[in-house]
Amino acid sequence: MSLETLTQLQARNITSQPCGFSIVDPSQKQHIKPLRRRRRLFAARWKCVLHELKQGTHVILTDVDNHFTRHVPIVESFAHWNVMHAYSNGFPLKLHAKHGFTVCGGMSWLQSHPATIRFVERVVQRCGEACDDQVVLNSLLLEDLDVEWTID
């Protein structure tokens, strides 16, 4: 996030913080390949999510290209789930073929709860400094953890 972007968001009273991200000095050339930059962003956003959850804040993690068509009172509607993910488009392919579905890395509801915090700590640990978080999420959920799935 550039300092200019952060300043513009804050001037419009849009909640924004560079949690987990570095403020970029536009005068310095960035020599990071786009894929590496995205993977660093994905890892950093989970660090930010973990920080917010530990502060007692429930989090909706969404990519910027999600489209919301109506208001849903999330806290009241989804209070009985600690974590909720949207279905993905079938990526990663091997896990989708094996399990019949995968979850989206860019649309999650995470309730500030000890179990959620432990889950996100594992995501952060697995991501390190850069990752494809959709691969990490699906590997954890479908292969590593004993998840109780519902179809609601």
N, C-alpha and C. Protein backbone atom coordinates (compact mmCIF):
# COMPACT_ATOMS: atom_id res chain seq x y z
N MET A 1 0.86 -1.16 0.00
CA MET A 1 0.00 0.00 0.00
C MET A 1 0.91 1.22 0.00
N SER A 2 0.63 2.13 -0.89
CA SER A 2 1.43 3.35 -0.92
C SER A 2 0.93 4.30 0.16
N LEU A 3 1.80 5.19 0.59
CA LEU A 3 1.43 6.19 1.57
C LEU A 3 0.31 7.07 1.04
N GLU A 4 0.33 7.36 -0.26
CA GLU A 4 -0.72 8.17 -0.89
C GLU A 4 -2.07 7.46 -0.79
N THR A 5 -2.10 6.16 -1.06
CA THR A 5 -3.34 5.38 -0.97
C THR A 5 -3.87 5.38 0.45
N LEU A 6 -3.01 5.11 1.41
CA LEU A 6 -3.41 5.10 2.81
C LEU A 6 -3.98 6.45 3.22
N THR A 7 -3.33 7.52 2.84
CA THR A 7 -3.77 8.87 3.18
C THR A 7 -5.14 9.17 2.57
N GLN A 8 -5.35 8.79 1.30
CA GLN A 8 -6.63 9.01 0.64
C GLN A 8 -7.76 8.23 1.31
N LEU A 9 -7.50 6.99 1.67
CA LEU A 9 -8.52 6.20 2.35
C LEU A 9 -8.88 6.80 3.70
N GLN A 10 -7.88 7.17 4.46
CA GLN A 10 -8.13 7.75 5.78
C GLN A 10 -8.84 9.09 5.66
N ALA A 11 -8.53 9.89 4.63
CA ALA A 11 -9.19 11.18 4.42
C ALA A 11 -10.68 11.00 4.13
N ARG A 12 -11.04 9.87 3.54
CA ARG A 12 -12.45 9.58 3.24
C ARG A 12 -13.12 8.81 4.37
N ASN A 13 -12.42 8.70 5.50
CA ASN A 13 -12.94 8.01 6.68
C ASN A 13 -13.23 6.53 6.40
N ILE A 14 -12.41 5.93 5.55
CA ILE A 14 -12.52 4.51 5.25
C ILE A 14 -11.55 3.77 6.15
N THR A 15 -12.07 2.83 6.91
CA THR A 15 -11.21 2.09 7.82
C THR A 15 -10.10 1.44 7.01
N SER A 16 -8.90 1.78 7.35
CA SER A 16 -7.76 1.23 6.63
C SER A 16 -6.54 1.26 7.53
N GLN A 17 -5.78 0.21 7.43
CA GLN A 17 -4.53 0.17 8.17
C GLN A 17 -3.59 -0.72 7.41
N PRO A 18 -2.33 -0.37 7.40
CA PRO A 18 -1.36 -1.19 6.67
C PRO A 18 -0.90 -2.39 7.48
N CYS A 19 -1.81 -3.01 8.21
CA CYS A 19 -1.49 -4.15 9.07
C CYS A 19 -0.87 -5.27 8.23
N GLY A 20 0.36 -5.60 8.56
CA GLY A 20 1.03 -6.67 7.84
C GLY A 20 1.64 -6.24 6.52
N PHE A 21 1.44 -5.00 6.12
CA PHE A 21 1.95 -4.52 4.85
C PHE A 21 2.98 -3.43 5.08
N SER A 22 3.86 -3.28 4.17
CA SER A 22 4.84 -2.20 4.24
C SER A 22 4.30 -0.99 3.49
N ILE A 23 4.53 0.18 4.04
CA ILE A 23 4.21 1.40 3.31
C ILE A 23 5.27 1.51 2.21
N VAL A 24 4.83 1.67 0.98
CA VAL A 24 5.73 1.70 -0.16
C VAL A 24 6.10 3.14 -0.48
N ASP A 25 7.38 3.38 -0.58
CA ASP A 25 7.89 4.69 -0.99
C ASP A 25 7.89 4.70 -2.52
N PRO A 26 7.04 5.54 -3.16
CA PRO A 26 6.95 5.52 -4.63
C PRO A 26 8.24 5.95 -5.32
N SER A 27 9.14 6.63 -4.61
CA SER A 27 10.39 7.06 -5.24
C SER A 27 11.36 5.90 -5.39
N GLN A 28 11.13 4.80 -4.66
CA GLN A 28 12.00 3.64 -4.77
C GLN A 28 11.40 2.64 -5.74
N LYS A 29 12.22 2.17 -6.66
CA LYS A 29 11.73 1.19 -7.63
C LYS A 29 11.49 -0.14 -6.95
N GLN A 30 10.39 -0.77 -7.30
CA GLN A 30 10.06 -2.07 -6.76
C GLN A 30 10.46 -3.13 -7.77
N HIS A 31 11.32 -4.05 -7.38
CA HIS A 31 11.81 -5.09 -8.27
C HIS A 31 11.27 -6.45 -7.86
N ILE A 32 10.01 -6.49 -7.48
CA ILE A 32 9.39 -7.75 -7.08
C ILE A 32 8.47 -8.21 -8.20
N LYS A 33 8.61 -9.43 -8.62
CA LYS A 33 7.75 -9.97 -9.67
C LYS A 33 6.31 -9.98 -9.20
N PRO A 34 5.36 -9.76 -10.11
CA PRO A 34 3.94 -9.68 -9.71
C PRO A 34 3.43 -10.90 -8.94
N LEU A 35 3.79 -12.11 -9.35
CA LEU A 35 3.32 -13.30 -8.63
C LEU A 35 3.88 -13.31 -7.21
N ARG A 36 5.13 -12.99 -7.05
CA ARG A 36 5.74 -12.95 -5.72
C ARG A 36 5.08 -11.87 -4.87
N ARG A 37 4.76 -10.72 -5.48
CA ARG A 37 4.10 -9.63 -4.75
C ARG A 37 2.73 -10.08 -4.25
N ARG A 38 1.96 -10.78 -5.10
CA ARG A 38 0.64 -11.28 -4.69
C ARG A 38 0.76 -12.28 -3.56
N ARG A 39 1.74 -13.16 -3.65
CA ARG A 39 1.91 -14.17 -2.60
C ARG A 39 2.35 -13.54 -1.28
N ARG A 40 3.11 -12.47 -1.35
CA ARG A 40 3.46 -11.75 -0.13
C ARG A 40 2.21 -11.07 0.45
N LEU A 41 1.37 -10.54 -0.42
CA LEU A 41 0.12 -9.91 0.02
C LEU A 41 -0.78 -10.94 0.70
N PHE A 42 -0.91 -12.12 0.09
CA PHE A 42 -1.77 -13.15 0.67
C PHE A 42 -1.29 -13.56 2.06
N ALA A 43 0.02 -13.73 2.21
CA ALA A 43 0.57 -14.08 3.52
C ALA A 43 0.36 -12.95 4.52
N ALA A 44 0.58 -11.73 4.09
CA ALA A 44 0.46 -10.57 4.99
C ALA A 44 -0.98 -10.38 5.45
N ARG A 45 -1.94 -10.62 4.58
CA ARG A 45 -3.33 -10.40 5.02
C ARG A 45 -3.75 -11.37 6.10
N TRP A 46 -3.20 -12.60 6.09
CA TRP A 46 -3.53 -13.55 7.16
C TRP A 46 -2.87 -13.15 8.47
N LYS A 47 -1.71 -12.51 8.41
CA LYS A 47 -1.11 -11.97 9.64
C LYS A 47 -1.99 -10.87 10.21
N CYS A 48 -2.54 -10.04 9.34
CA CYS A 48 -3.45 -8.98 9.77
C CYS A 48 -4.72 -9.57 10.37
N VAL A 49 -5.27 -10.60 9.72
CA VAL A 49 -6.47 -11.27 10.24
C VAL A 49 -6.19 -11.83 11.63
N LEU A 50 -5.04 -12.47 11.79
CA LEU A 50 -4.69 -13.04 13.10
C LEU A 50 -4.60 -11.94 14.15
N HIS A 51 -3.99 -10.84 13.82
CA HIS A 51 -3.88 -9.71 14.75
C HIS A 51 -5.27 -9.24 15.18
N GLU A 52 -6.17 -9.06 14.22
CA GLU A 52 -7.53 -8.57 14.52
C GLU A 52 -8.31 -9.58 15.36
N LEU A 53 -8.19 -10.87 15.04
CA LEU A 53 -8.89 -11.89 15.82
C LEU A 53 -8.41 -11.89 17.27
N LYS A 54 -7.11 -11.74 17.47
CA LYS A 54 -6.57 -11.71 18.83
C LYS A 54 -7.02 -10.47 19.61
N GLN A 55 -7.43 -9.42 18.88
CA GLN A 55 -7.95 -8.21 19.52
C GLN A 55 -9.45 -8.35 19.83
N GLY A 56 -10.05 -9.49 19.44
CA GLY A 56 -11.47 -9.72 19.70
C GLY A 56 -12.38 -9.26 18.57
N THR A 57 -11.81 -8.96 17.42
CA THR A 57 -12.59 -8.48 16.28
C THR A 57 -12.94 -9.64 15.35
N HIS A 58 -14.21 -9.79 15.00
CA HIS A 58 -14.62 -10.74 13.98
C HIS A 58 -14.21 -10.16 12.63
N VAL A 59 -13.86 -11.02 11.68
CA VAL A 59 -13.29 -10.55 10.42
C VAL A 59 -14.03 -11.15 9.23
N ILE A 60 -14.34 -10.30 8.26
CA ILE A 60 -14.73 -10.77 6.94
C ILE A 60 -13.52 -10.51 6.06
N LEU A 61 -12.95 -11.58 5.53
CA LEU A 61 -11.82 -11.46 4.62
C LEU A 61 -12.38 -11.61 3.22
N THR A 62 -12.21 -10.58 2.41
CA THR A 62 -12.75 -10.62 1.07
C THR A 62 -11.78 -10.01 0.08
N ASP A 63 -11.70 -10.61 -1.10
CA ASP A 63 -10.94 -10.01 -2.18
C ASP A 63 -11.71 -8.79 -2.68
N VAL A 64 -11.03 -7.90 -3.35
CA VAL A 64 -11.68 -6.68 -3.84
C VAL A 64 -12.67 -6.95 -4.96
N ASP A 65 -12.58 -8.11 -5.61
CA ASP A 65 -13.48 -8.38 -6.73
C ASP A 65 -14.75 -9.15 -6.32
N ASN A 66 -14.99 -9.30 -5.01
CA ASN A 66 -16.25 -9.90 -4.57
C ASN A 66 -17.39 -8.92 -4.79
N HIS A 67 -18.53 -9.46 -5.09
CA HIS A 67 -19.71 -8.64 -5.36
C HIS A 67 -20.78 -8.97 -4.31
N PHE A 68 -21.15 -7.97 -3.52
CA PHE A 68 -22.18 -8.15 -2.50
C PHE A 68 -23.49 -7.61 -3.04
N THR A 69 -24.54 -8.42 -3.01
CA THR A 69 -25.80 -8.00 -3.60
C THR A 69 -26.85 -7.61 -2.57
N ARG A 70 -26.62 -7.93 -1.30
CA ARG A 70 -27.58 -7.55 -0.27
C ARG A 70 -26.89 -7.53 1.08
N HIS A 71 -27.50 -6.84 2.01
CA HIS A 71 -26.96 -6.78 3.37
C HIS A 71 -27.40 -8.01 4.15
N VAL A 72 -26.47 -8.63 4.82
CA VAL A 72 -26.76 -9.75 5.70
C VAL A 72 -26.14 -9.42 7.04
N PRO A 73 -26.93 -9.45 8.12
CA PRO A 73 -26.35 -9.20 9.45
C PRO A 73 -25.46 -10.37 9.86
N ILE A 74 -24.22 -10.30 9.48
CA ILE A 74 -23.31 -11.44 9.56
C ILE A 74 -23.15 -11.98 10.98
N VAL A 75 -22.90 -11.12 11.94
CA VAL A 75 -22.65 -11.61 13.29
C VAL A 75 -23.84 -12.41 13.80
N GLU A 76 -25.05 -11.91 13.56
CA GLU A 76 -26.25 -12.62 14.03
C GLU A 76 -26.53 -13.87 13.19
N SER A 77 -26.34 -13.77 11.89
CA SER A 77 -26.69 -14.87 11.00
C SER A 77 -25.74 -16.05 11.09
N PHE A 78 -24.48 -15.77 11.37
CA PHE A 78 -23.47 -16.83 11.33
C PHE A 78 -22.81 -17.06 12.67
N ALA A 79 -23.44 -16.65 13.75
CA ALA A 79 -22.83 -16.72 15.09
C ALA A 79 -22.50 -18.15 15.52
N HIS A 80 -23.20 -19.15 14.98
CA HIS A 80 -22.96 -20.52 15.42
C HIS A 80 -21.82 -21.20 14.66
N TRP A 81 -21.16 -20.50 13.74
CA TRP A 81 -19.98 -21.02 13.06
C TRP A 81 -18.77 -20.19 13.44
N ASN A 82 -17.66 -20.85 13.71
CA ASN A 82 -16.42 -20.14 13.99
C ASN A 82 -15.79 -19.59 12.72
N VAL A 83 -15.82 -20.40 11.66
CA VAL A 83 -15.23 -20.03 10.38
C VAL A 83 -16.17 -20.46 9.28
N MET A 84 -16.32 -19.61 8.28
CA MET A 84 -17.14 -19.95 7.14
C MET A 84 -16.42 -19.48 5.88
N HIS A 85 -16.36 -20.35 4.87
CA HIS A 85 -15.69 -20.03 3.62
C HIS A 85 -16.68 -20.15 2.47
N ALA A 86 -16.45 -19.39 1.43
CA ALA A 86 -17.20 -19.56 0.18
C ALA A 86 -16.58 -20.72 -0.60
N TYR A 87 -17.39 -21.34 -1.45
CA TYR A 87 -16.84 -22.34 -2.37
C TYR A 87 -15.93 -21.64 -3.36
N SER A 88 -14.92 -22.37 -3.85
CA SER A 88 -14.05 -21.79 -4.86
C SER A 88 -14.41 -22.33 -6.24
N ASN A 89 -13.62 -21.92 -7.19
CA ASN A 89 -13.83 -22.34 -8.58
C ASN A 89 -13.17 -23.67 -8.91
N GLY A 90 -12.76 -24.42 -7.89
CA GLY A 90 -12.17 -25.74 -8.14
C GLY A 90 -10.66 -25.78 -8.03
N PHE A 91 -10.07 -24.74 -7.49
CA PHE A 91 -8.62 -24.69 -7.31
C PHE A 91 -8.29 -24.85 -5.85
N PRO A 92 -7.30 -25.60 -5.51
CA PRO A 92 -6.34 -26.37 -6.29
C PRO A 92 -6.96 -27.64 -6.90
N LEU A 93 -6.57 -27.91 -8.12
CA LEU A 93 -7.21 -28.96 -8.90
C LEU A 93 -7.12 -30.35 -8.26
N LYS A 94 -5.94 -30.73 -7.76
CA LYS A 94 -5.79 -32.07 -7.17
C LYS A 94 -6.69 -32.26 -5.96
N LEU A 95 -6.80 -31.23 -5.11
CA LEU A 95 -7.66 -31.35 -3.93
C LEU A 95 -9.13 -31.36 -4.34
N HIS A 96 -9.49 -30.58 -5.36
CA HIS A 96 -10.88 -30.58 -5.84
C HIS A 96 -11.24 -31.95 -6.40
N ALA A 97 -10.35 -32.53 -7.16
CA ALA A 97 -10.62 -33.86 -7.74
C ALA A 97 -10.78 -34.91 -6.64
N LYS A 98 -10.00 -34.80 -5.59
CA LYS A 98 -10.04 -35.79 -4.51
C LYS A 98 -11.25 -35.61 -3.60
N HIS A 99 -11.64 -34.36 -3.29
CA HIS A 99 -12.67 -34.11 -2.29
C HIS A 99 -14.00 -33.62 -2.87
N GLY A 100 -14.02 -33.21 -4.13
CA GLY A 100 -15.26 -32.76 -4.76
C GLY A 100 -15.57 -31.29 -4.56
N PHE A 101 -14.76 -30.58 -3.81
CA PHE A 101 -14.95 -29.14 -3.63
C PHE A 101 -13.66 -28.55 -3.07
N THR A 102 -13.56 -27.26 -3.15
CA THR A 102 -12.49 -26.50 -2.48
C THR A 102 -13.09 -25.19 -2.00
N VAL A 103 -12.42 -24.56 -1.04
CA VAL A 103 -12.90 -23.28 -0.52
C VAL A 103 -12.09 -22.14 -1.12
N CYS A 104 -12.69 -20.99 -1.11
CA CYS A 104 -12.10 -19.78 -1.69
C CYS A 104 -11.17 -19.11 -0.68
N GLY A 105 -10.00 -18.73 -1.13
CA GLY A 105 -9.08 -17.99 -0.28
C GLY A 105 -9.48 -16.55 -0.09
N GLY A 106 -10.37 -16.05 -0.92
CA GLY A 106 -10.74 -14.63 -0.89
C GLY A 106 -12.12 -14.33 -0.38
N MET A 107 -12.73 -15.24 0.39
CA MET A 107 -14.04 -14.94 0.99
C MET A 107 -14.24 -15.82 2.20
N SER A 108 -13.97 -15.25 3.36
CA SER A 108 -14.10 -16.00 4.61
C SER A 108 -14.71 -15.13 5.70
N TRP A 109 -15.48 -15.75 6.57
CA TRP A 109 -15.98 -15.14 7.79
C TRP A 109 -15.26 -15.84 8.93
N LEU A 110 -14.60 -15.06 9.78
CA LEU A 110 -13.82 -15.63 10.87
C LEU A 110 -14.25 -14.97 12.17
N GLN A 111 -14.80 -15.75 13.06
CA GLN A 111 -15.23 -15.24 14.35
C GLN A 111 -14.06 -15.28 15.34
N SER A 112 -13.91 -14.24 16.11
CA SER A 112 -12.84 -14.20 17.10
C SER A 112 -13.15 -15.23 18.19
N HIS A 113 -12.51 -16.37 18.09
CA HIS A 113 -12.75 -17.50 18.97
C HIS A 113 -11.42 -18.25 19.10
N PRO A 114 -11.12 -18.84 20.24
CA PRO A 114 -9.84 -19.54 20.39
C PRO A 114 -9.57 -20.57 19.29
N ALA A 115 -10.57 -21.31 18.86
CA ALA A 115 -10.37 -22.31 17.80
C ALA A 115 -10.03 -21.63 16.48
N THR A 116 -10.67 -20.52 16.19
CA THR A 116 -10.39 -19.77 14.96
C THR A 116 -8.97 -19.23 15.00
N ILE A 117 -8.58 -18.70 16.13
CA ILE A 117 -7.23 -18.15 16.27
C ILE A 117 -6.19 -19.24 16.05
N ARG A 118 -6.41 -20.42 16.61
CA ARG A 118 -5.48 -21.53 16.39
C ARG A 118 -5.41 -21.91 14.91
N PHE A 119 -6.56 -21.91 14.24
CA PHE A 119 -6.60 -22.22 12.81
C PHE A 119 -5.81 -21.18 12.02
N VAL A 120 -6.04 -19.92 12.28
CA VAL A 120 -5.35 -18.85 11.53
C VAL A 120 -3.85 -18.85 11.86
N GLU A 121 -3.50 -19.18 13.08
CA GLU A 121 -2.07 -19.32 13.40
C GLU A 121 -1.40 -20.37 12.51
N ARG A 122 -2.12 -21.45 12.24
CA ARG A 122 -1.58 -22.48 11.34
C ARG A 122 -1.47 -21.97 9.92
N VAL A 123 -2.47 -21.20 9.48
CA VAL A 123 -2.39 -20.60 8.13
C VAL A 123 -1.17 -19.69 8.05
N VAL A 124 -1.00 -18.82 9.04
CA VAL A 124 0.13 -17.88 9.05
C VAL A 124 1.45 -18.65 9.07
N GLN A 125 1.53 -19.68 9.90
CA GLN A 125 2.76 -20.47 9.98
C GLN A 125 3.06 -21.13 8.64
N ARG A 126 2.05 -21.72 8.02
CA ARG A 126 2.24 -22.41 6.74
C ARG A 126 2.58 -21.42 5.63
N CYS A 127 2.00 -20.22 5.68
CA CYS A 127 2.26 -19.22 4.64
C CYS A 127 3.67 -18.65 4.72
N GLY A 128 4.16 -18.45 5.92
CA GLY A 128 5.46 -17.80 6.04
C GLY A 128 5.38 -16.38 5.51
N GLU A 129 6.34 -15.99 4.70
CA GLU A 129 6.38 -14.63 4.15
C GLU A 129 5.64 -14.50 2.82
N ALA A 130 5.35 -15.63 2.16
CA ALA A 130 4.67 -15.59 0.86
C ALA A 130 4.02 -16.93 0.61
N CYS A 131 2.78 -16.91 0.09
CA CYS A 131 2.09 -18.17 -0.19
C CYS A 131 0.90 -17.93 -1.11
N ASP A 132 0.40 -19.01 -1.66
CA ASP A 132 -0.91 -19.00 -2.30
C ASP A 132 -1.87 -19.45 -1.20
N ASP A 133 -2.57 -18.51 -0.61
CA ASP A 133 -3.37 -18.85 0.57
C ASP A 133 -4.51 -19.81 0.26
N GLN A 134 -4.97 -19.86 -0.96
CA GLN A 134 -6.02 -20.82 -1.30
C GLN A 134 -5.48 -22.24 -1.25
N VAL A 135 -4.25 -22.43 -1.67
CA VAL A 135 -3.61 -23.75 -1.56
C VAL A 135 -3.42 -24.10 -0.08
N VAL A 136 -2.93 -23.14 0.69
CA VAL A 136 -2.70 -23.38 2.12
C VAL A 136 -4.01 -23.72 2.83
N LEU A 137 -5.05 -22.91 2.61
CA LEU A 137 -6.34 -23.15 3.26
C LEU A 137 -6.87 -24.54 2.94
N ASN A 138 -6.89 -24.87 1.67
CA ASN A 138 -7.46 -26.15 1.27
C ASN A 138 -6.62 -27.32 1.73
N SER A 139 -5.32 -27.19 1.75
CA SER A 139 -4.46 -28.26 2.27
C SER A 139 -4.76 -28.50 3.74
N LEU A 140 -4.85 -27.41 4.50
CA LEU A 140 -5.16 -27.55 5.93
C LEU A 140 -6.54 -28.14 6.14
N LEU A 141 -7.54 -27.55 5.51
CA LEU A 141 -8.92 -27.95 5.75
C LEU A 141 -9.24 -29.36 5.24
N LEU A 142 -8.73 -29.70 4.08
CA LEU A 142 -9.12 -30.96 3.46
C LEU A 142 -8.17 -32.12 3.75
N GLU A 143 -6.94 -31.82 4.13
CA GLU A 143 -5.96 -32.88 4.30
C GLU A 143 -5.43 -32.99 5.74
N ASP A 144 -5.23 -31.88 6.41
CA ASP A 144 -4.50 -31.89 7.69
C ASP A 144 -5.38 -31.87 8.93
N LEU A 145 -6.50 -31.18 8.88
CA LEU A 145 -7.34 -30.99 10.06
C LEU A 145 -8.55 -31.91 10.03
N ASP A 146 -9.08 -32.19 11.19
CA ASP A 146 -10.29 -32.97 11.32
C ASP A 146 -11.47 -32.01 11.38
N VAL A 147 -11.94 -31.59 10.22
CA VAL A 147 -12.97 -30.55 10.12
C VAL A 147 -14.36 -31.17 10.13
N GLU A 148 -15.27 -30.58 10.86
CA GLU A 148 -16.68 -30.98 10.82
C GLU A 148 -17.37 -30.09 9.79
N TRP A 149 -17.78 -30.66 8.67
CA TRP A 149 -18.36 -29.90 7.58
C TRP A 149 -19.89 -29.88 7.69
N THR A 150 -20.48 -28.76 7.34
CA THR A 150 -21.94 -28.65 7.22
C THR A 150 -22.26 -28.16 5.82
N ILE A 151 -23.48 -28.38 5.38
CA ILE A 151 -23.87 -28.01 4.01
C ILE A 151 -24.84 -26.84 4.02
N ASP A 152 -24.99 -26.15 5.12
CA ASP A 152 -25.94 -25.03 5.21
C ASP A 152 -25.59 -23.91 4.28
